[in-house]
N, C-alpha and C. Protein backbone atom coordinates (compact mmCIF):
# COMPACT_ATOMS: atom_id res chain seq x y z
N MET A 1 -16.16 -5.10 0.52
CA MET A 1 -15.01 -4.24 0.32
C MET A 1 -15.48 -2.82 0.04
N ASN A 2 -14.68 -1.89 0.44
CA ASN A 2 -14.95 -0.47 0.32
C ASN A 2 -15.13 -0.06 -1.15
N ALA A 3 -16.23 0.65 -1.45
CA ALA A 3 -16.52 1.06 -2.83
C ALA A 3 -15.45 2.01 -3.37
N LYS A 4 -14.93 2.89 -2.52
CA LYS A 4 -13.88 3.80 -2.98
C LYS A 4 -12.60 3.04 -3.30
N PHE A 5 -12.32 2.00 -2.54
CA PHE A 5 -11.15 1.17 -2.81
C PHE A 5 -11.32 0.47 -4.15
N ASN A 6 -12.50 -0.07 -4.40
CA ASN A 6 -12.77 -0.71 -5.68
C ASN A 6 -12.61 0.28 -6.83
N ASN A 7 -13.10 1.49 -6.64
CA ASN A 7 -12.97 2.51 -7.67
C ASN A 7 -11.50 2.88 -7.88
N ALA A 8 -10.75 2.96 -6.79
CA ALA A 8 -9.32 3.27 -6.89
C ALA A 8 -8.61 2.18 -7.69
N LEU A 9 -8.93 0.93 -7.42
CA LEU A 9 -8.31 -0.17 -8.16
C LEU A 9 -8.64 -0.08 -9.64
N TYR A 10 -9.88 0.25 -9.95
CA TYR A 10 -10.31 0.42 -11.33
C TYR A 10 -9.50 1.52 -12.02
N LEU A 11 -9.38 2.67 -11.36
CA LEU A 11 -8.64 3.79 -11.93
C LEU A 11 -7.17 3.46 -12.12
N LEU A 12 -6.59 2.79 -11.14
CA LEU A 12 -5.18 2.41 -11.24
C LEU A 12 -4.95 1.42 -12.37
N ASP A 13 -5.87 0.48 -12.51
CA ASP A 13 -5.76 -0.48 -13.62
C ASP A 13 -5.82 0.21 -14.98
N LYS A 14 -6.57 1.33 -15.05
CA LYS A 14 -6.67 2.09 -16.30
C LYS A 14 -5.47 3.01 -16.50
N GLY A 15 -4.58 3.06 -15.51
CA GLY A 15 -3.41 3.93 -15.62
C GLY A 15 -3.66 5.36 -15.20
N GLU A 16 -4.80 5.60 -14.57
CA GLU A 16 -5.13 6.94 -14.09
C GLU A 16 -4.63 7.09 -12.65
N TYR A 17 -3.30 7.21 -12.54
CA TYR A 17 -2.65 7.17 -11.23
C TYR A 17 -3.03 8.32 -10.32
N ASP A 18 -3.14 9.52 -10.87
CA ASP A 18 -3.49 10.68 -10.03
C ASP A 18 -4.87 10.51 -9.40
N LYS A 19 -5.86 10.19 -10.23
CA LYS A 19 -7.22 10.00 -9.73
C LYS A 19 -7.29 8.78 -8.81
N GLY A 20 -6.61 7.72 -9.19
CA GLY A 20 -6.60 6.50 -8.37
C GLY A 20 -5.99 6.73 -7.01
N GLU A 21 -4.91 7.51 -6.96
CA GLU A 21 -4.28 7.80 -5.67
C GLU A 21 -5.21 8.60 -4.77
N ILE A 22 -5.87 9.59 -5.33
CA ILE A 22 -6.81 10.39 -4.53
C ILE A 22 -7.91 9.50 -3.98
N CYS A 23 -8.46 8.66 -4.81
CA CYS A 23 -9.54 7.77 -4.39
C CYS A 23 -9.04 6.79 -3.33
N LEU A 24 -7.85 6.28 -3.51
CA LEU A 24 -7.27 5.33 -2.55
C LEU A 24 -7.03 6.01 -1.20
N ARG A 25 -6.52 7.23 -1.22
CA ARG A 25 -6.30 7.93 0.04
C ARG A 25 -7.62 8.24 0.74
N ASP A 26 -8.65 8.59 -0.03
CA ASP A 26 -9.97 8.81 0.56
C ASP A 26 -10.49 7.52 1.20
N ALA A 27 -10.31 6.41 0.51
CA ALA A 27 -10.76 5.12 1.05
C ALA A 27 -10.03 4.79 2.34
N MET A 28 -8.73 5.05 2.40
CA MET A 28 -7.98 4.78 3.63
C MET A 28 -8.44 5.68 4.76
N ASP A 29 -8.70 6.95 4.45
CA ASP A 29 -9.15 7.89 5.48
C ASP A 29 -10.49 7.48 6.09
N GLU A 30 -11.34 6.88 5.27
CA GLU A 30 -12.68 6.50 5.73
C GLU A 30 -12.76 5.08 6.27
N CYS A 31 -11.69 4.32 6.14
CA CYS A 31 -11.72 2.91 6.51
C CYS A 31 -11.76 2.73 8.03
N ASP A 32 -12.64 1.84 8.48
CA ASP A 32 -12.73 1.54 9.91
C ASP A 32 -12.37 0.08 10.21
N SER A 33 -11.87 -0.61 9.23
CA SER A 33 -11.46 -2.00 9.39
C SER A 33 -9.95 -2.10 9.24
N LYS A 34 -9.29 -2.55 10.29
CA LYS A 34 -7.83 -2.65 10.24
C LYS A 34 -7.37 -3.60 9.13
N MET A 35 -8.09 -4.69 8.94
CA MET A 35 -7.73 -5.66 7.92
C MET A 35 -7.82 -5.05 6.52
N GLU A 36 -8.88 -4.31 6.26
CA GLU A 36 -9.02 -3.65 4.96
C GLU A 36 -7.98 -2.54 4.80
N LEU A 37 -7.70 -1.82 5.87
CA LEU A 37 -6.70 -0.76 5.81
C LEU A 37 -5.33 -1.33 5.43
N ILE A 38 -5.00 -2.48 5.96
CA ILE A 38 -3.73 -3.14 5.61
C ILE A 38 -3.71 -3.45 4.11
N GLN A 39 -4.83 -3.95 3.58
CA GLN A 39 -4.91 -4.24 2.15
C GLN A 39 -4.72 -2.98 1.32
N MET A 40 -5.36 -1.90 1.75
CA MET A 40 -5.25 -0.64 1.03
C MET A 40 -3.83 -0.08 1.10
N LYS A 41 -3.23 -0.17 2.27
CA LYS A 41 -1.85 0.32 2.43
C LYS A 41 -0.89 -0.48 1.54
N SER A 42 -1.14 -1.77 1.39
CA SER A 42 -0.31 -2.59 0.54
C SER A 42 -0.42 -2.14 -0.91
N CYS A 43 -1.63 -1.91 -1.35
CA CYS A 43 -1.86 -1.39 -2.70
C CYS A 43 -1.18 -0.04 -2.87
N TYR A 44 -1.31 0.81 -1.88
CA TYR A 44 -0.72 2.14 -1.95
C TYR A 44 0.81 2.06 -2.00
N ALA A 45 1.38 1.17 -1.21
CA ALA A 45 2.84 1.01 -1.22
C ALA A 45 3.33 0.59 -2.61
N GLU A 46 2.60 -0.32 -3.24
CA GLU A 46 2.98 -0.74 -4.60
C GLU A 46 2.86 0.42 -5.59
N LEU A 47 1.81 1.22 -5.46
CA LEU A 47 1.66 2.40 -6.32
C LEU A 47 2.81 3.37 -6.11
N LEU A 48 3.15 3.63 -4.87
CA LEU A 48 4.23 4.55 -4.56
C LEU A 48 5.57 4.05 -5.11
N MET A 49 5.77 2.76 -5.09
CA MET A 49 6.98 2.19 -5.69
C MET A 49 6.99 2.47 -7.18
N GLU A 50 5.87 2.26 -7.83
CA GLU A 50 5.74 2.50 -9.26
C GLU A 50 6.05 3.97 -9.60
N LEU A 51 5.64 4.86 -8.70
CA LEU A 51 5.84 6.29 -8.89
C LEU A 51 7.21 6.75 -8.39
N GLU A 52 8.01 5.82 -7.91
CA GLU A 52 9.36 6.07 -7.39
C GLU A 52 9.35 7.03 -6.19
N ARG A 53 8.32 6.93 -5.38
CA ARG A 53 8.20 7.70 -4.14
C ARG A 53 8.54 6.75 -2.99
N TYR A 54 9.84 6.47 -2.89
CA TYR A 54 10.31 5.38 -2.05
C TYR A 54 10.14 5.62 -0.55
N SER A 55 10.34 6.84 -0.09
CA SER A 55 10.19 7.07 1.35
C SER A 55 8.74 6.87 1.79
N GLU A 56 7.80 7.28 0.95
CA GLU A 56 6.38 7.08 1.27
C GLU A 56 6.02 5.59 1.20
N ALA A 57 6.58 4.90 0.24
CA ALA A 57 6.34 3.46 0.13
C ALA A 57 6.87 2.74 1.35
N LEU A 58 8.04 3.17 1.82
CA LEU A 58 8.63 2.56 3.02
C LEU A 58 7.76 2.81 4.24
N GLU A 59 7.19 4.01 4.33
CA GLU A 59 6.28 4.31 5.45
C GLU A 59 5.09 3.34 5.45
N CYS A 60 4.51 3.09 4.28
CA CYS A 60 3.39 2.15 4.18
C CYS A 60 3.83 0.75 4.57
N ALA A 61 4.99 0.35 4.06
CA ALA A 61 5.51 -0.99 4.37
C ALA A 61 5.74 -1.15 5.87
N ASP A 62 6.33 -0.14 6.48
CA ASP A 62 6.57 -0.19 7.93
C ASP A 62 5.26 -0.26 8.70
N PHE A 63 4.24 0.48 8.26
CA PHE A 63 2.93 0.41 8.91
C PHE A 63 2.38 -1.02 8.86
N ILE A 64 2.46 -1.62 7.69
CA ILE A 64 1.95 -2.99 7.51
C ILE A 64 2.71 -3.96 8.40
N LEU A 65 4.03 -3.86 8.40
CA LEU A 65 4.84 -4.77 9.20
C LEU A 65 4.62 -4.58 10.69
N SER A 66 4.33 -3.36 11.11
CA SER A 66 4.07 -3.08 12.52
C SER A 66 2.69 -3.54 12.97
N ASN A 67 1.79 -3.71 12.03
CA ASN A 67 0.40 -4.04 12.38
C ASN A 67 -0.03 -5.43 11.93
N THR A 68 0.92 -6.27 11.55
CA THR A 68 0.62 -7.65 11.17
C THR A 68 1.68 -8.57 11.76
N ASP A 69 1.40 -9.85 11.70
CA ASP A 69 2.42 -10.84 12.02
C ASP A 69 2.30 -11.98 11.02
N GLU A 70 3.27 -12.85 11.01
CA GLU A 70 3.28 -13.90 9.98
C GLU A 70 2.16 -14.91 10.13
N TYR A 71 1.43 -14.87 11.23
CA TYR A 71 0.37 -15.84 11.46
C TYR A 71 -1.02 -15.27 11.25
N GLY A 72 -1.12 -13.99 10.89
CA GLY A 72 -2.41 -13.33 10.75
C GLY A 72 -3.02 -13.51 9.37
N ASP A 73 -4.15 -12.83 9.18
CA ASP A 73 -4.91 -12.93 7.93
C ASP A 73 -4.32 -12.10 6.80
N ASN A 74 -3.38 -11.24 7.10
CA ASN A 74 -2.80 -10.37 6.08
C ASN A 74 -1.41 -10.83 5.65
N GLY A 75 -1.25 -12.12 5.48
CA GLY A 75 0.05 -12.69 5.14
C GLY A 75 0.60 -12.19 3.81
N GLN A 76 -0.25 -12.08 2.81
CA GLN A 76 0.21 -11.61 1.50
C GLN A 76 0.65 -10.15 1.56
N GLU A 77 -0.12 -9.34 2.26
CA GLU A 77 0.24 -7.93 2.39
C GLU A 77 1.54 -7.78 3.16
N ARG A 78 1.72 -8.60 4.19
CA ARG A 78 2.96 -8.56 4.97
C ARG A 78 4.15 -8.95 4.09
N ALA A 79 3.99 -9.98 3.28
CA ALA A 79 5.07 -10.41 2.39
C ALA A 79 5.41 -9.31 1.38
N THR A 80 4.39 -8.65 0.84
CA THR A 80 4.61 -7.56 -0.09
C THR A 80 5.36 -6.42 0.59
N ALA A 81 4.94 -6.08 1.79
CA ALA A 81 5.60 -4.99 2.53
C ALA A 81 7.06 -5.33 2.80
N GLN A 82 7.34 -6.56 3.17
CA GLN A 82 8.72 -6.96 3.44
C GLN A 82 9.56 -6.90 2.17
N GLU A 83 8.98 -7.32 1.04
CA GLU A 83 9.70 -7.25 -0.24
C GLU A 83 10.02 -5.80 -0.61
N ILE A 84 9.06 -4.91 -0.41
CA ILE A 84 9.27 -3.50 -0.71
C ILE A 84 10.37 -2.93 0.17
N LYS A 85 10.29 -3.21 1.45
CA LYS A 85 11.30 -2.70 2.39
C LYS A 85 12.68 -3.24 2.03
N ASP A 86 12.77 -4.52 1.78
CA ASP A 86 14.06 -5.13 1.43
C ASP A 86 14.63 -4.52 0.15
N TYR A 87 13.78 -4.31 -0.84
CA TYR A 87 14.22 -3.75 -2.12
C TYR A 87 14.74 -2.33 -1.95
N ILE A 88 13.98 -1.50 -1.25
CA ILE A 88 14.39 -0.11 -1.02
C ILE A 88 15.73 -0.06 -0.31
N GLN A 89 15.88 -0.89 0.71
CA GLN A 89 17.12 -0.87 1.48
C GLN A 89 18.29 -1.46 0.69
N SER A 90 18.07 -2.54 -0.02
CA SER A 90 19.17 -3.18 -0.74
C SER A 90 19.65 -2.35 -1.92
N GLU A 91 18.75 -1.56 -2.51
CA GLU A 91 19.11 -0.72 -3.65
C GLU A 91 19.57 0.67 -3.23
N GLY A 92 19.49 0.95 -1.93
CA GLY A 92 19.90 2.27 -1.45
C GLY A 92 19.09 3.40 -2.05
N LEU A 93 17.79 3.21 -2.13
CA LEU A 93 16.93 4.17 -2.82
C LEU A 93 16.57 5.39 -1.98
N LEU A 94 16.88 5.35 -0.70
CA LEU A 94 16.61 6.51 0.15
C LEU A 94 17.90 7.27 0.35
N LYS A 95 17.85 8.51 0.14
CA LYS A 95 19.05 9.35 0.26
C LYS A 95 19.06 10.05 1.59
């Protein structure tokens, strides 16, 4: 797994959201594995939800849903993305 992604997870677990987000975005920019990128995008979508940045979270969720299927290796990330999308839409969080 990507060292920057691991560092981002560490920072996020400590509640250092600003630093964690920067590290996570750097990890995504440098990622050359689609499977790992999906995992990172899922983490990022959850962070964006926590920060109430719903349109950005929806963009991540849509990316995941467009690049996975229910039979692939990223089933958990796909389920998370679908939950995020459903929640945003059902709560009318986008204006």
